[in-house]
Amino acid sequence: MTDKTPNGAALTIDMARRMAAPIPDAEAAIIPNLKHMALAEDPAAVIAPLVSFLDRTAA
């Protein structure tokens, strides 16, 4: 999730955390300073928490 809510993002940090909370083993990764196209803007910033999560949770 990106952290640009004050500038018009549709999803707040609180909303992301509340969406993740009821899902077993889910995490909300907050990536500051990215907008709607986070993966295109900064692939490494998006991939790092994803890979970390998968490394920790993969069976």
C-alpha atoms as a PDB file:
ATOM      1  CA  MET A   1       0.000   0.000   0.000  1.00  0.00           C
ATOM      2  CA  THR A   2       1.194   3.466  -0.633  1.00  0.00           C
ATOM      3  CA  ASP A   3       1.321   6.360   1.794  1.00  0.00           C
ATOM      4  CA  LYS A   4      -0.116   9.325  -0.137  1.00  0.00           C
ATOM      5  CA  THR A   5      -3.539   9.649   1.487  1.00  0.00           C
ATOM      6  CA  PRO A   6      -3.289  13.368   2.304  1.00  0.00           C
ATOM      7  CA  ASN A   7      -2.824  13.986  -1.425  1.00  0.00           C
ATOM      8  CA  GLY A   8      -5.884  12.095  -2.569  1.00  0.00           C
ATOM      9  CA  ALA A   9      -5.180   8.371  -2.287  1.00  0.00           C
ATOM     10  CA  ALA A  10      -8.280   6.256  -1.870  1.00  0.00           C
ATOM     11  CA  LEU A  11      -6.826   3.891   0.741  1.00  0.00           C
ATOM     12  CA  THR A  12      -5.587   5.047   4.127  1.00  0.00           C
ATOM     13  CA  ILE A  13      -2.934   3.296   6.206  1.00  0.00           C
ATOM     14  CA  ASP A  14      -5.581   2.510   8.803  1.00  0.00           C
ATOM     15  CA  MET A  15      -7.806   0.963   6.127  1.00  0.00           C
ATOM     16  CA  ALA A  16      -4.955  -1.233   4.893  1.00  0.00           C
ATOM     17  CA  ARG A  17      -4.238  -2.470   8.408  1.00  0.00           C
ATOM     18  CA  ARG A  18      -7.933  -3.143   9.060  1.00  0.00           C
ATOM     19  CA  MET A  19      -8.213  -5.115   5.799  1.00  0.00           C
ATOM     20  CA  ALA A  20      -5.186  -7.253   6.705  1.00  0.00           C
ATOM     21  CA  ALA A  21      -6.203  -7.849  10.339  1.00  0.00           C
ATOM     22  CA  PRO A  22      -8.869 -10.545   9.838  1.00  0.00           C
ATOM     23  CA  ILE A  23      -6.808 -12.492   7.271  1.00  0.00           C
ATOM     24  CA  PRO A  24      -4.610 -15.167   8.878  1.00  0.00           C
ATOM     25  CA  ASP A  25      -0.891 -14.375   8.501  1.00  0.00           C
ATOM     26  CA  ALA A  26      -1.626 -11.251   6.424  1.00  0.00           C
ATOM     27  CA  GLU A  27       0.491  -8.126   6.786  1.00  0.00           C
ATOM     28  CA  ALA A  28       0.003  -4.582   5.551  1.00  0.00           C
ATOM     29  CA  ALA A  29       3.217  -3.277   4.002  1.00  0.00           C
ATOM     30  CA  ILE A  30       3.297   0.507   4.134  1.00  0.00           C
ATOM     31  CA  ILE A  31       5.577   1.932   1.438  1.00  0.00           C
ATOM     32  CA  PRO A  32       5.973   5.704   1.785  1.00  0.00           C
ATOM     33  CA  ASN A  33       6.132   8.237  -1.059  1.00  0.00           C
ATOM     34  CA  LEU A  34       4.582   6.096  -3.795  1.00  0.00           C
ATOM     35  CA  LYS A  35       1.392   6.754  -5.715  1.00  0.00           C
ATOM     36  CA  HIS A  36      -1.071   4.613  -7.657  1.00  0.00           C
ATOM     37  CA  MET A  37       1.529   2.847  -9.834  1.00  0.00           C
ATOM     38  CA  ALA A  38       3.826   1.808  -6.987  1.00  0.00           C
ATOM     39  CA  LEU A  39       5.320  -1.190  -8.787  1.00  0.00           C
ATOM     40  CA  ALA A  40       6.231   0.918 -11.819  1.00  0.00           C
ATOM     41  CA  GLU A  41       7.490   3.840  -9.725  1.00  0.00           C
ATOM     42  CA  ASP A  42       9.829   1.850  -7.469  1.00  0.00           C
ATOM     43  CA  PRO A  43       9.864  -1.904  -8.131  1.00  0.00           C
ATOM     44  CA  ALA A  44      12.484  -2.634  -5.458  1.00  0.00           C
ATOM     45  CA  ALA A  45      10.437  -0.883  -2.759  1.00  0.00           C
ATOM     46  CA  VAL A  46       7.432  -3.066  -3.596  1.00  0.00           C
ATOM     47  CA  ILE A  47       9.282  -6.327  -4.161  1.00  0.00           C
ATOM     48  CA  ALA A  48      11.392  -6.218  -0.966  1.00  0.00           C
ATOM     49  CA  PRO A  49       8.498  -6.554   1.521  1.00  0.00           C
ATOM     50  CA  LEU A  50       6.801  -9.090  -0.749  1.00  0.00           C
ATOM     51  CA  VAL A  51       9.885 -11.310  -0.917  1.00  0.00           C
ATOM     52  CA  SER A  52      10.410 -10.914   2.829  1.00  0.00           C
ATOM     53  CA  PHE A  53       6.838 -11.973   3.512  1.00  0.00           C
ATOM     54  CA  LEU A  54       7.085 -14.973   1.195  1.00  0.00           C
ATOM     55  CA  ASP A  55      10.416 -16.038   2.718  1.00  0.00           C
ATOM     56  CA  ARG A  56       8.881 -15.979   6.196  1.00  0.00           C
ATOM     57  CA  THR A  57       5.599 -17.658   5.333  1.00  0.00           C
ATOM     58  CA  ALA A  58       6.360 -20.108   2.524  1.00  0.00           C
ATOM     59  CA  ALA A  59       5.685 -23.713   3.485  1.00  0.00           C
END
